[in-house]
PDB file of all heavy atoms in Angstrom:
ATOM      1  N   VAL A   1     -31.660   2.209 123.688  1.00  0.00           N
ATOM      2  CA  VAL A   1     -33.141   2.101 123.774  1.00  0.00           C
ATOM      3  C   VAL A   1     -33.476   0.620 123.958  1.00  0.00           C
ATOM      4  O   VAL A   1     -32.928  -0.275 123.378  1.00  0.00           O
ATOM      5  CB  VAL A   1     -33.754   2.572 122.419  1.00  0.00           C
ATOM      6  CG1 VAL A   1     -35.248   2.326 122.412  1.00  0.00           C
ATOM      7  CG2 VAL A   1     -33.503   4.086 122.240  1.00  0.00           C
ATOM      8  N   THR A   2     -34.437   0.377 124.842  1.00  0.00           N
ATOM      9  CA  THR A   2     -34.855  -0.939 125.197  1.00  0.00           C
ATOM     10  C   THR A   2     -36.344  -1.051 125.137  1.00  0.00           C
ATOM     11  O   THR A   2     -37.073  -0.058 125.246  1.00  0.00           O
ATOM     12  CB  THR A   2     -34.365  -1.348 126.605  1.00  0.00           C
ATOM     13  OG1 THR A   2     -34.926  -0.438 127.585  1.00  0.00           O
ATOM     14  CG2 THR A   2     -32.840  -1.346 126.698  1.00  0.00           C
ATOM     15  N   ALA A   3     -36.850  -2.295 125.001  1.00  0.00           N
ATOM     16  CA  ALA A   3     -38.249  -2.541 124.985  1.00  0.00           C
ATOM     17  C   ALA A   3     -38.565  -4.007 125.231  1.00  0.00           C
ATOM     18  O   ALA A   3     -37.692  -4.851 124.946  1.00  0.00           O
ATOM     19  CB  ALA A   3     -38.929  -2.087 123.689  1.00  0.00           C
ATOM     20  N   GLY A   4     -39.721  -4.333 125.775  1.00  0.00           N
ATOM     21  CA  GLY A   4     -40.129  -5.720 126.007  1.00  0.00           C
ATOM     22  C   GLY A   4     -41.542  -5.978 125.545  1.00  0.00           C
ATOM     23  O   GLY A   4     -42.369  -5.019 125.401  1.00  0.00           O
ATOM     24  N   SER A   5     -41.953  -7.218 125.379  1.00  0.00           N
ATOM     25  CA  SER A   5     -43.256  -7.566 124.895  1.00  0.00           C
ATOM     26  C   SER A   5     -44.329  -7.414 125.962  1.00  0.00           C
ATOM     27  O   SER A   5     -45.553  -7.418 125.655  1.00  0.00           O
ATOM     28  CB  SER A   5     -43.279  -8.987 124.371  1.00  0.00           C
ATOM     29  OG  SER A   5     -42.757  -9.943 125.307  1.00  0.00           O
ATOM     30  N   THR A   6     -43.962  -7.262 127.231  1.00  0.00           N
ATOM     31  CA  THR A   6     -44.858  -6.895 128.287  1.00  0.00           C
ATOM     32  C   THR A   6     -44.124  -5.903 129.198  1.00  0.00           C
ATOM     33  O   THR A   6     -42.882  -5.777 129.108  1.00  0.00           O
ATOM     34  CB  THR A   6     -45.233  -8.110 129.230  1.00  0.00           C
ATOM     35  OG1 THR A   6     -44.077  -8.529 129.951  1.00  0.00           O
ATOM     36  CG2 THR A   6     -45.751  -9.271 128.352  1.00  0.00           C
ATOM     37  N   PRO A   7     -44.841  -5.148 130.027  1.00  0.00           N
ATOM     38  CA  PRO A   7     -44.113  -4.142 130.902  1.00  0.00           C
ATOM     39  C   PRO A   7     -43.046  -4.834 131.826  1.00  0.00           C
ATOM     40  O   PRO A   7     -41.959  -4.251 131.932  1.00  0.00           O
ATOM     41  CB  PRO A   7     -45.305  -3.579 131.711  1.00  0.00           C
ATOM     42  CG  PRO A   7     -46.513  -3.710 130.821  1.00  0.00           C
ATOM     43  CD  PRO A   7     -46.342  -4.973 130.099  1.00  0.00           C
ATOM     44  N   GLU A   8     -43.400  -5.954 132.363  1.00  0.00           N
ATOM     45  CA  GLU A   8     -42.423  -6.642 133.190  1.00  0.00           C
ATOM     46  C   GLU A   8     -41.196  -7.028 132.411  1.00  0.00           C
ATOM     47  O   GLU A   8     -40.047  -6.869 132.905  1.00  0.00           O
ATOM     48  CB  GLU A   8     -43.042  -7.865 133.799  1.00  0.00           C
ATOM     49  CG  GLU A   8     -42.135  -8.643 134.721  1.00  0.00           C
ATOM     50  CD  GLU A   8     -42.655 -10.005 135.250  1.00  0.00           C
ATOM     51  OE1 GLU A   8     -43.845 -10.313 134.919  1.00  0.00           O
ATOM     52  OE2 GLU A   8     -41.965 -10.674 135.993  1.00  0.00           O
ATOM     53  N   ILE A   9     -41.371  -7.583 131.192  1.00  0.00           N
ATOM     54  CA  ILE A   9     -40.254  -8.039 130.369  1.00  0.00           C
ATOM     55  C   ILE A   9     -39.425  -6.829 129.904  1.00  0.00           C
ATOM     56  O   ILE A   9     -38.213  -6.865 129.811  1.00  0.00           O
ATOM     57  CB  ILE A   9     -40.704  -8.835 129.186  1.00  0.00           C
ATOM     58  CG1 ILE A   9     -41.387 -10.114 129.636  1.00  0.00           C
ATOM     59  CG2 ILE A   9     -39.554  -9.184 128.241  1.00  0.00           C
ATOM     60  CD1 ILE A   9     -40.460 -11.035 130.567  1.00  0.00           C
ATOM     61  N   GLY A  10     -40.140  -5.712 129.634  1.00  0.00           N
ATOM     62  CA  GLY A  10     -39.404  -4.422 129.281  1.00  0.00           C
ATOM     63  C   GLY A  10     -38.443  -4.065 130.416  1.00  0.00           C
ATOM     64  O   GLY A  10     -37.323  -3.665 130.119  1.00  0.00           O
ATOM     65  N   ARG A  11     -38.912  -4.156 131.639  1.00  0.00           N
ATOM     66  CA  ARG A  11     -38.000  -3.792 132.748  1.00  0.00           C
ATOM     67  C   ARG A  11     -36.868  -4.723 132.897  1.00  0.00           C
ATOM     68  O   ARG A  11     -35.732  -4.362 133.191  1.00  0.00           O
ATOM     69  CB  ARG A  11     -38.834  -3.781 134.070  1.00  0.00           C
ATOM     70  CG  ARG A  11     -39.832  -2.535 134.164  1.00  0.00           C
ATOM     71  CD  ARG A  11     -40.454  -2.399 135.512  1.00  0.00           C
ATOM     72  NE  ARG A  11     -41.292  -3.544 135.858  1.00  0.00           N
ATOM     73  CZ  ARG A  11     -42.639  -3.553 135.518  1.00  0.00           C
ATOM     74  NH1 ARG A  11     -43.167  -2.563 134.935  1.00  0.00           N
ATOM     75  NH2 ARG A  11     -43.334  -4.576 135.873  1.00  0.00           N
ATOM     76  N   LYS A  12     -37.125  -6.025 132.628  1.00  0.00           N
ATOM     77  CA  LYS A  12     -36.028  -7.041 132.674  1.00  0.00           C
ATOM     78  C   LYS A  12     -34.974  -6.722 131.541  1.00  0.00           C
ATOM     79  O   LYS A  12     -33.797  -6.831 131.840  1.00  0.00           O
ATOM     80  CB  LYS A  12     -36.590  -8.424 132.503  1.00  0.00           C
ATOM     81  CG  LYS A  12     -37.223  -9.023 133.752  1.00  0.00           C
ATOM     82  CD  LYS A  12     -37.604 -10.457 133.551  1.00  0.00           C
ATOM     83  CE  LYS A  12     -38.127 -11.086 134.852  1.00  0.00           C
ATOM     84  NZ  LYS A  12     -38.404 -12.520 134.704  1.00  0.00           N
ATOM     85  N   VAL A  13     -35.450  -6.460 130.363  1.00  0.00           N
ATOM     86  CA  VAL A  13     -34.568  -6.178 129.293  1.00  0.00           C
ATOM     87  C   VAL A  13     -33.769  -4.912 129.572  1.00  0.00           C
ATOM     88  O   VAL A  13     -32.534  -4.838 129.385  1.00  0.00           O
ATOM     89  CB  VAL A  13     -35.356  -6.056 127.906  1.00  0.00           C
ATOM     90  CG1 VAL A  13     -34.392  -5.510 126.866  1.00  0.00           C
ATOM     91  CG2 VAL A  13     -35.955  -7.343 127.498  1.00  0.00           C
ATOM     92  N   ASP A  14     -34.458  -3.952 130.088  1.00  0.00           N
ATOM     93  CA  ASP A  14     -33.812  -2.658 130.451  1.00  0.00           C
ATOM     94  C   ASP A  14     -32.749  -2.835 131.514  1.00  0.00           C
ATOM     95  O   ASP A  14     -31.643  -2.334 131.403  1.00  0.00           O
ATOM     96  CB  ASP A  14     -34.866  -1.704 130.907  1.00  0.00           C
ATOM     97  CG  ASP A  14     -34.356  -0.202 131.007  1.00  0.00           C
ATOM     98  OD1 ASP A  14     -33.895   0.312 129.971  1.00  0.00           O
ATOM     99  OD2 ASP A  14     -34.295   0.358 132.154  1.00  0.00           O
ATOM    100  N   ASP A  15     -33.074  -3.635 132.557  1.00  0.00           N
ATOM    101  CA  ASP A  15     -32.137  -3.934 133.685  1.00  0.00           C
ATOM    102  C   ASP A  15     -30.918  -4.656 133.133  1.00  0.00           C
ATOM    103  O   ASP A  15     -29.764  -4.401 133.580  1.00  0.00           O
ATOM    104  CB  ASP A  15     -32.781  -4.749 134.750  1.00  0.00           C
ATOM    105  CG  ASP A  15     -33.791  -3.899 135.600  1.00  0.00           C
ATOM    106  OD1 ASP A  15     -33.730  -2.657 135.520  1.00  0.00           O
ATOM    107  OD2 ASP A  15     -34.612  -4.480 136.216  1.00  0.00           O
ATOM    108  N   LEU A  16     -31.134  -5.575 132.178  1.00  0.00           N
ATOM    109  CA  LEU A  16     -30.041  -6.329 131.639  1.00  0.00           C
ATOM    110  C   LEU A  16     -29.007  -5.386 130.950  1.00  0.00           C
ATOM    111  O   LEU A  16     -27.768  -5.444 131.224  1.00  0.00           O
ATOM    112  CB  LEU A  16     -30.469  -7.349 130.603  1.00  0.00           C
ATOM    113  CG  LEU A  16     -29.417  -8.239 129.949  1.00  0.00           C
ATOM    114  CD1 LEU A  16     -28.759  -9.188 130.954  1.00  0.00           C
ATOM    115  CD2 LEU A  16     -30.007  -8.993 128.737  1.00  0.00           C
ATOM    116  N   TYR A  17     -29.501  -4.561 130.039  1.00  0.00           N
ATOM    117  CA  TYR A  17     -28.573  -3.611 129.401  1.00  0.00           C
ATOM    118  C   TYR A  17     -28.035  -2.543 130.290  1.00  0.00           C
ATOM    119  O   TYR A  17     -26.864  -2.144 130.201  1.00  0.00           O
ATOM    120  CB  TYR A  17     -29.318  -2.972 128.169  1.00  0.00           C
ATOM    121  CG  TYR A  17     -29.426  -3.882 127.004  1.00  0.00           C
ATOM    122  CD1 TYR A  17     -30.592  -4.630 126.758  1.00  0.00           C
ATOM    123  CD2 TYR A  17     -28.404  -3.985 126.069  1.00  0.00           C
ATOM    124  CE1 TYR A  17     -30.656  -5.426 125.659  1.00  0.00           C
ATOM    125  CE2 TYR A  17     -28.463  -4.784 124.980  1.00  0.00           C
ATOM    126  CZ  TYR A  17     -29.589  -5.554 124.774  1.00  0.00           C
ATOM    127  OH  TYR A  17     -29.741  -6.393 123.637  1.00  0.00           O
ATOM    128  N   LYS A  18     -28.873  -2.070 131.253  1.00  0.00           N
ATOM    129  CA  LYS A  18     -28.426  -1.065 132.185  1.00  0.00           C
ATOM    130  C   LYS A  18     -27.191  -1.531 133.009  1.00  0.00           C
ATOM    131  O   LYS A  18     -26.420  -0.745 133.456  1.00  0.00           O
ATOM    132  CB  LYS A  18     -29.585  -0.670 133.073  1.00  0.00           C
ATOM    133  CG  LYS A  18     -29.355   0.627 133.877  1.00  0.00           C
ATOM    134  CD  LYS A  18     -30.596   0.963 134.737  1.00  0.00           C
ATOM    135  CE  LYS A  18     -31.798   1.270 133.929  1.00  0.00           C
ATOM    136  NZ  LYS A  18     -32.978   1.610 134.718  1.00  0.00           N
ATOM    137  N   SER A  19     -27.184  -2.848 133.192  1.00  0.00           N
ATOM    138  CA  SER A  19     -26.063  -3.385 134.012  1.00  0.00           C
ATOM    139  C   SER A  19     -24.645  -3.315 133.370  1.00  0.00           C
ATOM    140  O   SER A  19     -23.642  -3.382 134.046  1.00  0.00           O
ATOM    141  CB  SER A  19     -26.377  -4.864 134.393  1.00  0.00           C
ATOM    142  OG  SER A  19     -26.276  -5.686 133.225  1.00  0.00           O
ATOM    143  N   VAL A  20     -24.615  -3.033 132.062  1.00  0.00           N
ATOM    144  CA  VAL A  20     -23.349  -2.938 131.421  1.00  0.00           C
ATOM    145  C   VAL A  20     -23.172  -1.679 130.585  1.00  0.00           C
ATOM    146  O   VAL A  20     -21.989  -1.325 130.230  1.00  0.00           O
ATOM    147  CB  VAL A  20     -23.094  -4.168 130.439  1.00  0.00           C
ATOM    148  CG1 VAL A  20     -22.940  -5.488 131.255  1.00  0.00           C
ATOM    149  CG2 VAL A  20     -24.147  -4.315 129.398  1.00  0.00           C
ATOM    150  N   ILE A  21     -24.268  -0.996 130.265  1.00  0.00           N
ATOM    151  CA  ILE A  21     -24.199   0.213 129.380  1.00  0.00           C
ATOM    152  C   ILE A  21     -23.944   1.406 130.329  1.00  0.00           C
ATOM    153  O   ILE A  21     -24.761   1.852 131.081  1.00  0.00           O
ATOM    154  CB  ILE A  21     -25.429   0.433 128.614  1.00  0.00           C
ATOM    155  CG1 ILE A  21     -25.739  -0.788 127.700  1.00  0.00           C
ATOM    156  CG2 ILE A  21     -25.352   1.694 127.756  1.00  0.00           C
ATOM    157  CD1 ILE A  21     -24.715  -0.969 126.570  1.00  0.00           C
ATOM    158  N   ILE A  22     -22.748   1.964 130.196  1.00  0.00           N
ATOM    159  CA  ILE A  22     -22.335   3.132 131.057  1.00  0.00           C
ATOM    160  C   ILE A  22     -23.257   4.323 130.801  1.00  0.00           C
ATOM    161  O   ILE A  22     -23.613   5.131 131.709  1.00  0.00           O
ATOM    162  CB  ILE A  22     -20.882   3.504 130.843  1.00  0.00           C
ATOM    163  CG1 ILE A  22     -19.989   2.323 131.161  1.00  0.00           C
ATOM    164  CG2 ILE A  22     -20.490   4.727 131.613  1.00  0.00           C
ATOM    165  CD1 ILE A  22     -18.504   2.482 130.794  1.00  0.00           C
ATOM    166  N   ALA A  23     -23.583   4.530 129.527  1.00  0.00           N
ATOM    167  CA  ALA A  23     -24.358   5.715 129.139  1.00  0.00           C
ATOM    168  C   ALA A  23     -25.784   5.732 129.523  1.00  0.00           C
ATOM    169  O   ALA A  23     -26.520   6.680 129.507  1.00  0.00           O
ATOM    170  CB  ALA A  23     -24.284   5.913 127.599  1.00  0.00           C
ATOM    171  N   GLY A  24     -26.250   4.559 130.011  1.00  0.00           N
ATOM    172  CA  GLY A  24     -27.656   4.394 130.473  1.00  0.00           C
ATOM    173  C   GLY A  24     -28.520   3.870 129.350  1.00  0.00           C
ATOM    174  O   GLY A  24     -28.161   3.499 128.286  1.00  0.00           O
ATOM    175  N   THR A  25     -29.823   3.775 129.710  1.00  0.00           N
ATOM    176  CA  THR A  25     -30.834   3.229 128.828  1.00  0.00           C
ATOM    177  C   THR A  25     -32.097   4.083 128.769  1.00  0.00           C
ATOM    178  O   THR A  25     -32.332   4.924 129.659  1.00  0.00           O
ATOM    179  CB  THR A  25     -31.252   1.809 129.259  1.00  0.00           C
ATOM    180  OG1 THR A  25     -31.825   1.876 130.557  1.00  0.00           O
ATOM    181  CG2 THR A  25     -30.050   0.851 129.235  1.00  0.00           C
TER     182      THR A  25
END
C-alpha cells in the first residue's frame, strides 16, 4: 500500500515501490 501528501507525490511513491515490489502496489 502506498500514499503521498499530494496526488503527484502519491504517484512518485507508488512508482518507487512498484519498481522493486514483484507483488505490485
